[in-house]
Amino acid sequence: MVDFTATAGDVFREQATLAPVAAPANGPGIAVVAWMGYRTPGISNFMSLELAHLGADRLVRTLDGIRAVRNDHEPRLGVVAHSYGSTTAMIALSSGRTRVDSLTMLGSPGSAVTSVDELGVPHGQVYVGGAHWDPVAGTGFFGTDPGRTSFGAAALDLAGGSDPADAGDVFRQPFG
């Protein structure tokens, strides 16, 4: 969780920098939550989706809780999910019990969801990416690979490179 919360802090700082441009001054503000409300499978149950289903129920309750405490100032909710977490998120978002404003999946082993149209996410707001040589992304181990064109998610370019708008800062290609 140390890495997850550090990353959440980085995302928060980036969003806070962009907020004056992207949101009205009296907007609901920014929050980033590092959530690990599910267990990942181990060697004895790595082929099972039972833990993803349990986690999906918890994710639905968490998202509903965020909305409940915000009342009339409903936040824009985006989920960024990695590996088995993407499977968990797709189960939650295809249940018809919750929705989010965007879903980004990284290194996904897939799920029974066959299309972005089955997810409680607005059209054009589902993104997918996998690192070069990632042994999990693209396998469709748990069902449909969300990286397939037919799934309908926007593919993230993770090839690396430099940002000409930011003095040529180098972005390394993720590996493994």
C-alpha atoms as a PDB file:
ATOM      1  CA  MET A   1       0.000   0.000   0.000  1.00  0.00           C
ATOM      2  CA  VAL A   2       2.965   2.353   0.452  1.00  0.00           C
ATOM      3  CA  ASP A   3       3.509   2.507  -3.325  1.00  0.00           C
ATOM      4  CA  PHE A   4      -0.238   2.797  -3.995  1.00  0.00           C
ATOM      5  CA  THR A   5      -0.674   5.696  -1.587  1.00  0.00           C
ATOM      6  CA  ALA A   6       2.452   7.444  -2.913  1.00  0.00           C
ATOM      7  CA  THR A   7       1.068   7.123  -6.435  1.00  0.00           C
ATOM      8  CA  ALA A   8      -2.320   8.404  -5.248  1.00  0.00           C
ATOM      9  CA  GLY A   9      -0.504  11.425  -3.795  1.00  0.00           C
ATOM     10  CA  ASP A  10       1.230  12.026  -7.127  1.00  0.00           C
ATOM     11  CA  VAL A  11      -2.098  11.810  -8.966  1.00  0.00           C
ATOM     12  CA  PHE A  12      -3.666  14.206  -6.455  1.00  0.00           C
ATOM     13  CA  ARG A  13      -0.897  16.778  -6.944  1.00  0.00           C
ATOM     14  CA  GLU A  14      -1.212  16.521 -10.727  1.00  0.00           C
ATOM     15  CA  GLN A  15      -4.992  16.918 -10.571  1.00  0.00           C
ATOM     16  CA  ALA A  16      -4.686  19.874  -8.188  1.00  0.00           C
ATOM     17  CA  THR A  17      -2.378  21.549 -10.693  1.00  0.00           C
ATOM     18  CA  LEU A  18      -4.915  21.044 -13.490  1.00  0.00           C
ATOM     19  CA  ALA A  19      -8.055  21.784 -11.443  1.00  0.00           C
ATOM     20  CA  PRO A  20      -8.069  25.556 -11.927  1.00  0.00           C
ATOM     21  CA  VAL A  21      -8.123  24.986 -15.682  1.00  0.00           C
ATOM     22  CA  ALA A  22     -10.489  21.999 -15.768  1.00  0.00           C
ATOM     23  CA  ALA A  23     -13.031  22.767 -13.033  1.00  0.00           C
ATOM     24  CA  PRO A  24     -14.919  25.810 -11.781  1.00  0.00           C
ATOM     25  CA  ALA A  25     -13.580  27.550  -8.688  1.00  0.00           C
ATOM     26  CA  ASN A  26     -16.594  26.460  -6.633  1.00  0.00           C
ATOM     27  CA  GLY A  27     -16.351  22.840  -7.817  1.00  0.00           C
ATOM     28  CA  PRO A  28     -16.405  19.849  -5.498  1.00  0.00           C
ATOM     29  CA  GLY A  29     -12.623  19.701  -5.087  1.00  0.00           C
ATOM     30  CA  ILE A  30     -10.266  16.812  -5.658  1.00  0.00           C
ATOM     31  CA  ALA A  31      -9.731  13.556  -3.839  1.00  0.00           C
ATOM     32  CA  VAL A  32      -7.700  10.489  -4.744  1.00  0.00           C
ATOM     33  CA  VAL A  33      -8.238   7.215  -2.919  1.00  0.00           C
ATOM     34  CA  ALA A  34      -5.815   4.292  -2.995  1.00  0.00           C
ATOM     35  CA  TRP A  35      -8.159   1.343  -2.491  1.00  0.00           C
ATOM     36  CA  MET A  36      -7.210  -2.281  -1.957  1.00  0.00           C
ATOM     37  CA  GLY A  37     -10.515  -3.751  -0.799  1.00  0.00           C
ATOM     38  CA  TYR A  38     -10.006  -7.187  -2.251  1.00  0.00           C
ATOM     39  CA  ARG A  39      -7.526 -10.042  -2.041  1.00  0.00           C
ATOM     40  CA  THR A  40      -5.547 -11.248  -4.983  1.00  0.00           C
ATOM     41  CA  PRO A  41      -5.476 -14.979  -5.660  1.00  0.00           C
ATOM     42  CA  GLY A  42      -2.563 -17.122  -4.602  1.00  0.00           C
ATOM     43  CA  ILE A  43      -1.100 -20.312  -5.995  1.00  0.00           C
ATOM     44  CA  SER A  44      -3.995 -22.431  -4.697  1.00  0.00           C
ATOM     45  CA  ASN A  45      -6.810 -20.340  -6.225  1.00  0.00           C
ATOM     46  CA  PHE A  46      -5.272 -18.351  -9.086  1.00  0.00           C
ATOM     47  CA  MET A  47      -7.818 -19.688 -11.587  1.00  0.00           C
ATOM     48  CA  SER A  48     -10.835 -18.597  -9.532  1.00  0.00           C
ATOM     49  CA  LEU A  49     -12.827 -15.388  -9.820  1.00  0.00           C
ATOM     50  CA  GLU A  50     -14.308 -15.766  -6.334  1.00  0.00           C
ATOM     51  CA  LEU A  51     -12.023 -13.103  -4.845  1.00  0.00           C
ATOM     52  CA  ALA A  52     -12.778 -10.727  -7.741  1.00  0.00           C
ATOM     53  CA  HIS A  53     -16.524 -11.113  -7.125  1.00  0.00           C
ATOM     54  CA  LEU A  54     -16.084 -10.433  -3.401  1.00  0.00           C
ATOM     55  CA  GLY A  55     -13.924  -7.414  -4.218  1.00  0.00           C
ATOM     56  CA  ALA A  56     -16.462  -6.173  -6.766  1.00  0.00           C
ATOM     57  CA  ASP A  57     -19.152  -6.085  -4.075  1.00  0.00           C
ATOM     58  CA  ARG A  58     -16.810  -4.081  -1.836  1.00  0.00           C
ATOM     59  CA  LEU A  59     -15.937  -1.702  -4.669  1.00  0.00           C
ATOM     60  CA  VAL A  60     -19.627  -1.062  -5.369  1.00  0.00           C
ATOM     61  CA  ARG A  61     -20.162  -0.224  -1.681  1.00  0.00           C
ATOM     62  CA  THR A  62     -17.097   2.031  -1.619  1.00  0.00           C
ATOM     63  CA  LEU A  63     -18.196   3.998  -4.687  1.00  0.00           C
ATOM     64  CA  ASP A  64     -21.723   4.307  -3.272  1.00  0.00           C
ATOM     65  CA  GLY A  65     -20.240   5.508   0.024  1.00  0.00           C
ATOM     66  CA  ILE A  66     -18.200   8.208  -1.708  1.00  0.00           C
ATOM     67  CA  ARG A  67     -21.334   9.439  -3.447  1.00  0.00           C
ATOM     68  CA  ALA A  68     -23.356   9.329  -0.222  1.00  0.00           C
ATOM     69  CA  VAL A  69     -20.960  11.512   1.769  1.00  0.00           C
ATOM     70  CA  ARG A  70     -20.728  14.039  -1.059  1.00  0.00           C
ATOM     71  CA  ASN A  71     -24.554  14.435  -1.293  1.00  0.00           C
ATOM     72  CA  ASP A  72     -25.367  17.285  -3.672  1.00  0.00           C
ATOM     73  CA  HIS A  73     -21.731  17.734  -4.725  1.00  0.00           C
ATOM     74  CA  GLU A  74     -21.265  14.424  -6.505  1.00  0.00           C
ATOM     75  CA  PRO A  75     -17.631  14.011  -7.481  1.00  0.00           C
ATOM     76  CA  ARG A  76     -16.304  12.887 -10.826  1.00  0.00           C
ATOM     77  CA  LEU A  77     -15.285   9.302 -10.126  1.00  0.00           C
ATOM     78  CA  GLY A  78     -12.580   7.581 -12.101  1.00  0.00           C
ATOM     79  CA  VAL A  79     -11.203   4.125 -11.399  1.00  0.00           C
ATOM     80  CA  VAL A  80      -7.663   3.117 -12.325  1.00  0.00           C
ATOM     81  CA  ALA A  81      -7.283  -0.629 -11.911  1.00  0.00           C
ATOM     82  CA  HIS A  82      -4.269  -2.882 -12.304  1.00  0.00           C
ATOM     83  CA  SER A  83      -4.135  -6.614 -13.111  1.00  0.00           C
ATOM     84  CA  TYR A  84      -6.668  -8.611 -11.036  1.00  0.00           C
ATOM     85  CA  GLY A  85      -8.065  -5.264  -9.893  1.00  0.00           C
ATOM     86  CA  SER A  86      -9.208  -4.596 -13.459  1.00  0.00           C
ATOM     87  CA  THR A  87     -11.090  -7.889 -13.423  1.00  0.00           C
ATOM     88  CA  THR A  88     -12.648  -6.862 -10.102  1.00  0.00           C
ATOM     89  CA  ALA A  89     -13.578  -3.417 -11.453  1.00  0.00           C
ATOM     90  CA  MET A  90     -15.158  -4.837 -14.616  1.00  0.00           C
ATOM     91  CA  ILE A  91     -17.291  -7.208 -12.527  1.00  0.00           C
ATOM     92  CA  ALA A  92     -18.425  -4.297 -10.333  1.00  0.00           C
ATOM     93  CA  LEU A  93     -19.130  -1.983 -13.254  1.00  0.00           C
ATOM     94  CA  SER A  94     -21.041  -4.598 -15.238  1.00  0.00           C
ATOM     95  CA  SER A  95     -23.306  -5.470 -12.295  1.00  0.00           C
ATOM     96  CA  GLY A  96     -25.724  -2.613 -12.943  1.00  0.00           C
ATOM     97  CA  ARG A  97     -25.279  -1.549  -9.300  1.00  0.00           C
ATOM     98  CA  THR A  98     -22.799   1.292  -9.782  1.00  0.00           C
ATOM     99  CA  ARG A  99     -21.228   3.573 -12.349  1.00  0.00           C
ATOM    100  CA  VAL A 100     -18.135   5.731 -12.710  1.00  0.00           C
ATOM    101  CA  ASP A 101     -17.079   8.539 -15.016  1.00  0.00           C
ATOM    102  CA  SER A 102     -14.023   6.711 -16.351  1.00  0.00           C
ATOM    103  CA  LEU A 103     -12.246   3.375 -16.111  1.00  0.00           C
ATOM    104  CA  THR A 104      -8.564   2.830 -16.868  1.00  0.00           C
ATOM    105  CA  MET A 105      -7.236  -0.732 -16.855  1.00  0.00           C
ATOM    106  CA  LEU A 106      -3.555  -1.608 -16.820  1.00  0.00           C
ATOM    107  CA  GLY A 107      -2.189  -5.133 -17.251  1.00  0.00           C
ATOM    108  CA  SER A 108      -5.628  -6.722 -17.317  1.00  0.00           C
ATOM    109  CA  PRO A 109      -6.087 -10.515 -17.416  1.00  0.00           C
ATOM    110  CA  GLY A 110      -9.648  -9.940 -18.699  1.00  0.00           C
ATOM    111  CA  SER A 111     -13.133 -10.814 -17.475  1.00  0.00           C
ATOM    112  CA  ALA A 112     -16.501 -12.145 -18.640  1.00  0.00           C
ATOM    113  CA  VAL A 113     -17.368  -8.628 -19.838  1.00  0.00           C
ATOM    114  CA  THR A 114     -17.157  -8.661 -23.631  1.00  0.00           C
ATOM    115  CA  SER A 115     -17.615  -4.967 -24.458  1.00  0.00           C
ATOM    116  CA  VAL A 116     -17.395  -1.484 -22.954  1.00  0.00           C
ATOM    117  CA  ASP A 117     -21.147  -1.290 -23.563  1.00  0.00           C
ATOM    118  CA  GLU A 118     -21.680  -3.672 -20.611  1.00  0.00           C
ATOM    119  CA  LEU A 119     -19.920  -1.329 -18.179  1.00  0.00           C
ATOM    120  CA  GLY A 120     -21.460   1.484 -16.147  1.00  0.00           C
ATOM    121  CA  VAL A 121     -19.082   3.968 -17.771  1.00  0.00           C
ATOM    122  CA  PRO A 122     -19.932   6.717 -20.302  1.00  0.00           C
ATOM    123  CA  HIS A 123     -19.098   6.089 -23.950  1.00  0.00           C
ATOM    124  CA  GLY A 124     -15.467   6.886 -24.768  1.00  0.00           C
ATOM    125  CA  GLN A 125     -14.293   6.817 -21.141  1.00  0.00           C
ATOM    126  CA  VAL A 126     -12.793   3.316 -20.929  1.00  0.00           C
ATOM    127  CA  TYR A 127      -9.018   3.039 -21.406  1.00  0.00           C
ATOM    128  CA  VAL A 128      -6.656   0.069 -21.477  1.00  0.00           C
ATOM    129  CA  GLY A 129      -2.902  -0.403 -21.534  1.00  0.00           C
ATOM    130  CA  GLY A 130      -0.293  -3.036 -20.898  1.00  0.00           C
ATOM    131  CA  ALA A 131       3.450  -2.801 -20.433  1.00  0.00           C
ATOM    132  CA  HIS A 132       5.834  -4.254 -22.977  1.00  0.00           C
ATOM    133  CA  TRP A 133       6.490  -7.910 -22.156  1.00  0.00           C
ATOM    134  CA  ASP A 134       3.713  -7.996 -19.542  1.00  0.00           C
ATOM    135  CA  PRO A 135       2.962 -11.719 -19.099  1.00  0.00           C
ATOM    136  CA  VAL A 136      -0.627 -11.001 -17.950  1.00  0.00           C
ATOM    137  CA  ALA A 137      -1.960  -8.208 -20.168  1.00  0.00           C
ATOM    138  CA  GLY A 138      -3.468  -9.497 -23.357  1.00  0.00           C
ATOM    139  CA  THR A 139      -3.879 -13.081 -22.133  1.00  0.00           C
ATOM    140  CA  GLY A 140      -7.621 -12.917 -21.574  1.00  0.00           C
ATOM    141  CA  PHE A 141      -6.978 -15.413 -18.779  1.00  0.00           C
ATOM    142  CA  PHE A 142     -10.292 -14.607 -17.084  1.00  0.00           C
ATOM    143  CA  GLY A 143     -12.282 -14.015 -20.266  1.00  0.00           C
ATOM    144  CA  THR A 144     -12.268 -11.260 -22.853  1.00  0.00           C
ATOM    145  CA  ASP A 145      -9.089  -9.202 -23.143  1.00  0.00           C
ATOM    146  CA  PRO A 146     -10.144  -5.524 -22.815  1.00  0.00           C
ATOM    147  CA  GLY A 147      -7.156  -4.623 -25.012  1.00  0.00           C
ATOM    148  CA  ARG A 148      -8.797  -6.234 -28.051  1.00  0.00           C
ATOM    149  CA  THR A 149     -10.129  -3.718 -30.541  1.00  0.00           C
ATOM    150  CA  SER A 150     -13.552  -5.390 -30.472  1.00  0.00           C
ATOM    151  CA  PHE A 151     -13.865  -4.654 -26.723  1.00  0.00           C
ATOM    152  CA  GLY A 152     -14.084  -0.924 -27.530  1.00  0.00           C
ATOM    153  CA  ALA A 153     -11.676   0.618 -25.018  1.00  0.00           C
ATOM    154  CA  ALA A 154      -9.277   3.357 -26.046  1.00  0.00           C
ATOM    155  CA  ALA A 155      -5.749   1.951 -26.148  1.00  0.00           C
ATOM    156  CA  LEU A 156      -3.153   3.830 -24.126  1.00  0.00           C
ATOM    157  CA  ASP A 157       0.180   4.303 -25.850  1.00  0.00           C
ATOM    158  CA  LEU A 158       2.747   3.001 -23.399  1.00  0.00           C
ATOM    159  CA  ALA A 159       5.662   3.048 -25.811  1.00  0.00           C
ATOM    160  CA  GLY A 160       7.538   5.746 -23.921  1.00  0.00           C
ATOM    161  CA  GLY A 161       9.168   8.766 -25.505  1.00  0.00           C
ATOM    162  CA  SER A 162       9.562  12.423 -24.661  1.00  0.00           C
ATOM    163  CA  ASP A 163       7.154  15.257 -24.001  1.00  0.00           C
ATOM    164  CA  PRO A 164       7.967  18.198 -26.300  1.00  0.00           C
ATOM    165  CA  ALA A 165       5.662  20.493 -24.312  1.00  0.00           C
ATOM    166  CA  ASP A 166       7.595  19.884 -21.101  1.00  0.00           C
ATOM    167  CA  ALA A 167      11.214  20.548 -22.099  1.00  0.00           C
ATOM    168  CA  GLY A 168      11.654  17.053 -23.500  1.00  0.00           C
ATOM    169  CA  ASP A 169      11.059  15.142 -20.258  1.00  0.00           C
ATOM    170  CA  VAL A 170      11.587  11.461 -20.937  1.00  0.00           C
ATOM    171  CA  PHE A 171       8.868   8.916 -20.203  1.00  0.00           C
ATOM    172  CA  ARG A 172      10.279   5.427 -19.894  1.00  0.00           C
ATOM    173  CA  GLN A 173       8.447   2.544 -21.505  1.00  0.00           C
ATOM    174  CA  PRO A 174       6.936   0.308 -18.819  1.00  0.00           C
ATOM    175  CA  PHE A 175       8.373  -3.183 -18.916  1.00  0.00           C
ATOM    176  CA  GLY A 176       7.160  -6.477 -17.505  1.00  0.00           C
END
